[in-house]
Amino acid sequence: MKEDYIVFGRPFIGIDEINAVQSTLESGWIGTGPRVKQFEEAFASYIGTKYAVALNSCTAGLFLSLQTLDLHPGDEVITTPLTFAATANAIVHNMATPIFVDVDRKTMNIDSEKIESAITPRTRSILPVHFAGRPCEMDTINHIASKYGLTVINHR
């Protein structure tokens, strides 16, 4: 690696992490098993909920979250166009239509002042995406969702 290269997000991997990976690989339980169950229980306890499900990606999380809404063809989910393709794909793969609301030029997040005008009788959810570490205006988004009886899918 070049000496002057700046690494974005270099992880710290010590001997404990290496041993944990080796032990997991040797156990034969790679995608499920006792370590996943242990992680789910510890995570649920940490965030103060009864259940947690470990998934392989945010894409899977978005898809599963939208599955809970029992969406049908013609249902709409409001989101931002400034996101990875998985956001719209998860909506489409749940048989709904993504409705893109433009971003605020300062934050690059969904413009919460434009969300309400995009709501129709077919709107079921708002799926904001926090861009580049900048949080969306969740108080405003949650207020709008509550006003119209919509579910907010807030992935963090």
C-alpha atoms as a PDB file:
ATOM      1  CA  MET A   1       0.000   0.000   0.000  1.00  0.00           C
ATOM      2  CA  LYS A   2       1.228   3.511  -0.749  1.00  0.00           C
ATOM      3  CA  GLU A   3       2.569   5.428   2.246  1.00  0.00           C
ATOM      4  CA  ASP A   4       0.514   8.551   1.456  1.00  0.00           C
ATOM      5  CA  TYR A   5      -2.739   6.640   0.916  1.00  0.00           C
ATOM      6  CA  ILE A   6      -5.553   7.608   3.320  1.00  0.00           C
ATOM      7  CA  VAL A   7      -7.603   4.572   4.298  1.00  0.00           C
ATOM      8  CA  PHE A   8     -11.319   5.147   4.674  1.00  0.00           C
ATOM      9  CA  GLY A   9     -12.657   3.233   7.655  1.00  0.00           C
ATOM     10  CA  ARG A  10      -9.746   0.899   8.425  1.00  0.00           C
ATOM     11  CA  PRO A  11     -11.023  -1.666  10.925  1.00  0.00           C
ATOM     12  CA  PHE A  12      -9.107  -2.661  14.029  1.00  0.00           C
ATOM     13  CA  ILE A  13      -8.606  -6.416  13.899  1.00  0.00           C
ATOM     14  CA  GLY A  14      -6.758  -7.796  16.876  1.00  0.00           C
ATOM     15  CA  ILE A  15      -5.938 -11.297  18.037  1.00  0.00           C
ATOM     16  CA  ASP A  16      -9.326 -11.692  19.795  1.00  0.00           C
ATOM     17  CA  GLU A  17     -11.165 -10.982  16.537  1.00  0.00           C
ATOM     18  CA  ILE A  18      -8.901 -13.312  14.567  1.00  0.00           C
ATOM     19  CA  ASN A  19      -9.425 -16.103  17.111  1.00  0.00           C
ATOM     20  CA  ALA A  20     -13.207 -15.573  17.070  1.00  0.00           C
ATOM     21  CA  VAL A  21     -13.293 -15.859  13.268  1.00  0.00           C
ATOM     22  CA  GLN A  22     -11.082 -18.946  13.290  1.00  0.00           C
ATOM     23  CA  SER A  23     -13.209 -20.574  15.981  1.00  0.00           C
ATOM     24  CA  THR A  24     -16.385 -19.828  14.021  1.00  0.00           C
ATOM     25  CA  LEU A  25     -14.948 -21.226  10.793  1.00  0.00           C
ATOM     26  CA  GLU A  26     -13.790 -24.369  12.567  1.00  0.00           C
ATOM     27  CA  SER A  27     -17.244 -24.840  14.143  1.00  0.00           C
ATOM     28  CA  GLY A  28     -18.941 -25.167  10.748  1.00  0.00           C
ATOM     29  CA  TRP A  29     -21.612 -22.609  11.777  1.00  0.00           C
ATOM     30  CA  ILE A  30     -20.949 -19.712   9.420  1.00  0.00           C
ATOM     31  CA  GLY A  31     -24.327 -18.154   8.567  1.00  0.00           C
ATOM     32  CA  THR A  32     -26.405 -19.328  11.509  1.00  0.00           C
ATOM     33  CA  GLY A  33     -25.845 -21.138  14.760  1.00  0.00           C
ATOM     34  CA  PRO A  34     -25.016 -20.404  18.356  1.00  0.00           C
ATOM     35  CA  ARG A  35     -22.837 -17.343  17.759  1.00  0.00           C
ATOM     36  CA  VAL A  36     -25.519 -15.661  15.662  1.00  0.00           C
ATOM     37  CA  LYS A  37     -28.125 -16.414  18.337  1.00  0.00           C
ATOM     38  CA  GLN A  38     -25.780 -15.029  20.995  1.00  0.00           C
ATOM     39  CA  PHE A  39     -25.209 -11.872  18.924  1.00  0.00           C
ATOM     40  CA  GLU A  40     -28.958 -11.358  18.329  1.00  0.00           C
ATOM     41  CA  GLU A  41     -29.703 -11.706  22.046  1.00  0.00           C
ATOM     42  CA  ALA A  42     -26.882  -9.353  23.051  1.00  0.00           C
ATOM     43  CA  PHE A  43     -27.930  -6.789  20.433  1.00  0.00           C
ATOM     44  CA  ALA A  44     -31.610  -6.966  21.468  1.00  0.00           C
ATOM     45  CA  SER A  45     -30.583  -6.407  25.082  1.00  0.00           C
ATOM     46  CA  TYR A  46     -28.294  -3.519  24.117  1.00  0.00           C
ATOM     47  CA  ILE A  47     -31.008  -1.618  22.209  1.00  0.00           C
ATOM     48  CA  GLY A  48     -33.745  -2.527  24.682  1.00  0.00           C
ATOM     49  CA  THR A  49     -36.015  -4.696  22.560  1.00  0.00           C
ATOM     50  CA  LYS A  50     -37.321  -8.216  22.928  1.00  0.00           C
ATOM     51  CA  TYR A  51     -36.089  -9.518  19.549  1.00  0.00           C
ATOM     52  CA  ALA A  52     -33.365  -8.831  17.004  1.00  0.00           C
ATOM     53  CA  VAL A  53     -32.615 -10.609  13.728  1.00  0.00           C
ATOM     54  CA  ALA A  54     -29.135 -10.614  12.221  1.00  0.00           C
ATOM     55  CA  LEU A  55     -29.089 -10.235   8.442  1.00  0.00           C
ATOM     56  CA  ASN A  56     -26.322 -10.273   5.868  1.00  0.00           C
ATOM     57  CA  SER A  57     -26.858  -6.738   4.549  1.00  0.00           C
ATOM     58  CA  CYS A  58     -28.792  -3.509   4.732  1.00  0.00           C
ATOM     59  CA  THR A  59     -30.490  -4.604   1.502  1.00  0.00           C
ATOM     60  CA  ALA A  60     -31.914  -7.638   3.312  1.00  0.00           C
ATOM     61  CA  GLY A  61     -32.941  -5.390   6.201  1.00  0.00           C
ATOM     62  CA  LEU A  62     -34.786  -2.996   3.913  1.00  0.00           C
ATOM     63  CA  PHE A  63     -36.524  -5.850   2.126  1.00  0.00           C
ATOM     64  CA  LEU A  64     -37.561  -7.526   5.385  1.00  0.00           C
ATOM     65  CA  SER A  65     -38.733  -4.236   6.925  1.00  0.00           C
ATOM     66  CA  LEU A  66     -40.937  -3.560   3.922  1.00  0.00           C
ATOM     67  CA  GLN A  67     -42.248  -7.146   4.047  1.00  0.00           C
ATOM     68  CA  THR A  68     -43.844  -6.323   7.403  1.00  0.00           C
ATOM     69  CA  LEU A  69     -46.074  -3.775   5.662  1.00  0.00           C
ATOM     70  CA  ASP A  70     -47.783  -6.374   3.432  1.00  0.00           C
ATOM     71  CA  LEU A  71     -47.462  -4.110   0.407  1.00  0.00           C
ATOM     72  CA  HIS A  72     -49.498  -4.662  -2.736  1.00  0.00           C
ATOM     73  CA  PRO A  73     -49.116  -3.518  -6.351  1.00  0.00           C
ATOM     74  CA  GLY A  74     -49.957   0.169  -6.512  1.00  0.00           C
ATOM     75  CA  ASP A  75     -48.863   0.914  -2.941  1.00  0.00           C
ATOM     76  CA  GLU A  76     -46.283   3.680  -2.701  1.00  0.00           C
ATOM     77  CA  VAL A  77     -43.217   4.212  -0.533  1.00  0.00           C
ATOM     78  CA  ILE A  78     -41.678   7.673  -0.368  1.00  0.00           C
ATOM     79  CA  THR A  79     -37.890   7.804  -0.403  1.00  0.00           C
ATOM     80  CA  THR A  80     -34.983   9.829  -1.723  1.00  0.00           C
ATOM     81  CA  PRO A  81     -33.375   9.518  -5.147  1.00  0.00           C
ATOM     82  CA  LEU A  82     -29.947  10.043  -3.550  1.00  0.00           C
ATOM     83  CA  THR A  83     -29.375   6.517  -2.300  1.00  0.00           C
ATOM     84  CA  PHE A  84     -27.974   3.137  -3.292  1.00  0.00           C
ATOM     85  CA  ALA A  85     -30.092   1.169  -5.782  1.00  0.00           C
ATOM     86  CA  ALA A  86     -31.031  -1.309  -3.018  1.00  0.00           C
ATOM     87  CA  THR A  87     -33.467   1.206  -1.526  1.00  0.00           C
ATOM     88  CA  ALA A  88     -35.635   1.374  -4.638  1.00  0.00           C
ATOM     89  CA  ASN A  89     -35.054  -2.311  -5.398  1.00  0.00           C
ATOM     90  CA  ALA A  90     -36.371  -3.345  -1.968  1.00  0.00           C
ATOM     91  CA  ILE A  91     -39.504  -1.289  -2.592  1.00  0.00           C
ATOM     92  CA  VAL A  92     -40.028  -2.736  -6.075  1.00  0.00           C
ATOM     93  CA  HIS A  93     -39.358  -6.308  -4.909  1.00  0.00           C
ATOM     94  CA  ASN A  94     -42.122  -5.791  -2.351  1.00  0.00           C
ATOM     95  CA  MET A  95     -44.482  -4.952  -5.251  1.00  0.00           C
ATOM     96  CA  ALA A  96     -44.733  -1.250  -4.362  1.00  0.00           C
ATOM     97  CA  THR A  97     -43.733   1.868  -6.261  1.00  0.00           C
ATOM     98  CA  PRO A  98     -40.922   4.121  -5.082  1.00  0.00           C
ATOM     99  CA  ILE A  99     -41.914   7.779  -4.982  1.00  0.00           C
ATOM    100  CA  PHE A 100     -38.829   9.957  -5.049  1.00  0.00           C
ATOM    101  CA  VAL A 101     -38.842  13.224  -3.129  1.00  0.00           C
ATOM    102  CA  ASP A 102     -35.985  15.579  -3.925  1.00  0.00           C
ATOM    103  CA  VAL A 103     -33.186  16.293  -1.481  1.00  0.00           C
ATOM    104  CA  ASP A 104     -32.353  19.388   0.500  1.00  0.00           C
ATOM    105  CA  ARG A 105     -29.355  20.987  -1.219  1.00  0.00           C
ATOM    106  CA  LYS A 106     -27.603  21.695   2.094  1.00  0.00           C
ATOM    107  CA  THR A 107     -27.927  18.287   3.779  1.00  0.00           C
ATOM    108  CA  MET A 108     -28.415  16.098   0.695  1.00  0.00           C
ATOM    109  CA  ASN A 109     -31.105  14.268   2.707  1.00  0.00           C
ATOM    110  CA  ILE A 110     -34.727  13.923   1.657  1.00  0.00           C
ATOM    111  CA  ASP A 111     -36.335  17.369   1.845  1.00  0.00           C
ATOM    112  CA  SER A 112     -38.843  16.905   4.652  1.00  0.00           C
ATOM    113  CA  GLU A 113     -40.752  19.987   3.513  1.00  0.00           C
ATOM    114  CA  LYS A 114     -41.535  18.270   0.187  1.00  0.00           C
ATOM    115  CA  ILE A 115     -42.682  14.915   1.598  1.00  0.00           C
ATOM    116  CA  GLU A 116     -46.244  15.927   2.388  1.00  0.00           C
ATOM    117  CA  SER A 117     -46.958  17.036  -1.181  1.00  0.00           C
ATOM    118  CA  ALA A 118     -45.917  13.568  -2.439  1.00  0.00           C
ATOM    119  CA  ILE A 119     -48.388  11.694  -0.226  1.00  0.00           C
ATOM    120  CA  THR A 120     -51.354  10.116  -1.989  1.00  0.00           C
ATOM    121  CA  PRO A 121     -54.069   7.712  -0.810  1.00  0.00           C
ATOM    122  CA  ARG A 122     -51.751   4.900  -1.986  1.00  0.00           C
ATOM    123  CA  THR A 123     -48.785   5.971   0.166  1.00  0.00           C
ATOM    124  CA  ARG A 124     -47.963   3.395   2.850  1.00  0.00           C
ATOM    125  CA  SER A 125     -44.530   4.366   4.119  1.00  0.00           C
ATOM    126  CA  ILE A 126     -41.687   6.864   4.221  1.00  0.00           C
ATOM    127  CA  LEU A 127     -38.176   5.439   3.875  1.00  0.00           C
ATOM    128  CA  PRO A 128     -35.624   8.185   4.598  1.00  0.00           C
ATOM    129  CA  VAL A 129     -31.923   7.618   3.966  1.00  0.00           C
ATOM    130  CA  HIS A 130     -29.386   9.432   6.145  1.00  0.00           C
ATOM    131  CA  PHE A 131     -26.741  10.718   3.731  1.00  0.00           C
ATOM    132  CA  ALA A 132     -23.012  10.870   4.509  1.00  0.00           C
ATOM    133  CA  GLY A 133     -23.479  10.727   8.258  1.00  0.00           C
ATOM    134  CA  ARG A 134     -26.012  13.548   8.273  1.00  0.00           C
ATOM    135  CA  PRO A 135     -29.282  12.560   9.956  1.00  0.00           C
ATOM    136  CA  CYS A 136     -32.589  13.299   8.280  1.00  0.00           C
ATOM    137  CA  GLU A 137     -35.077  15.567  10.034  1.00  0.00           C
ATOM    138  CA  MET A 138     -36.700  12.619  11.788  1.00  0.00           C
ATOM    139  CA  ASP A 139     -38.934  14.680  14.092  1.00  0.00           C
ATOM    140  CA  THR A 140     -40.561  16.278  11.046  1.00  0.00           C
ATOM    141  CA  ILE A 141     -40.710  13.004   9.109  1.00  0.00           C
ATOM    142  CA  ASN A 142     -42.236  11.159  12.084  1.00  0.00           C
ATOM    143  CA  HIS A 143     -44.785  13.940  12.555  1.00  0.00           C
ATOM    144  CA  ILE A 144     -45.848  13.745   8.896  1.00  0.00           C
ATOM    145  CA  ALA A 145     -46.051   9.942   9.084  1.00  0.00           C
ATOM    146  CA  SER A 146     -48.191  10.104  12.215  1.00  0.00           C
ATOM    147  CA  LYS A 147     -50.491  12.696  10.650  1.00  0.00           C
ATOM    148  CA  TYR A 148     -51.171  10.428   7.650  1.00  0.00           C
ATOM    149  CA  GLY A 149     -50.968   7.026   9.373  1.00  0.00           C
ATOM    150  CA  LEU A 150     -47.785   6.009   7.562  1.00  0.00           C
ATOM    151  CA  THR A 151     -44.987   3.734   8.720  1.00  0.00           C
ATOM    152  CA  VAL A 152     -41.448   5.096   8.785  1.00  0.00           C
ATOM    153  CA  ILE A 153     -38.723   2.614   7.846  1.00  0.00           C
ATOM    154  CA  ASN A 154     -35.707   4.213   9.512  1.00  0.00           C
ATOM    155  CA  HIS A 155     -32.558   2.210   8.938  1.00  0.00           C
ATOM    156  CA  ARG A 156     -29.487   3.370  10.803  1.00  0.00           C
END
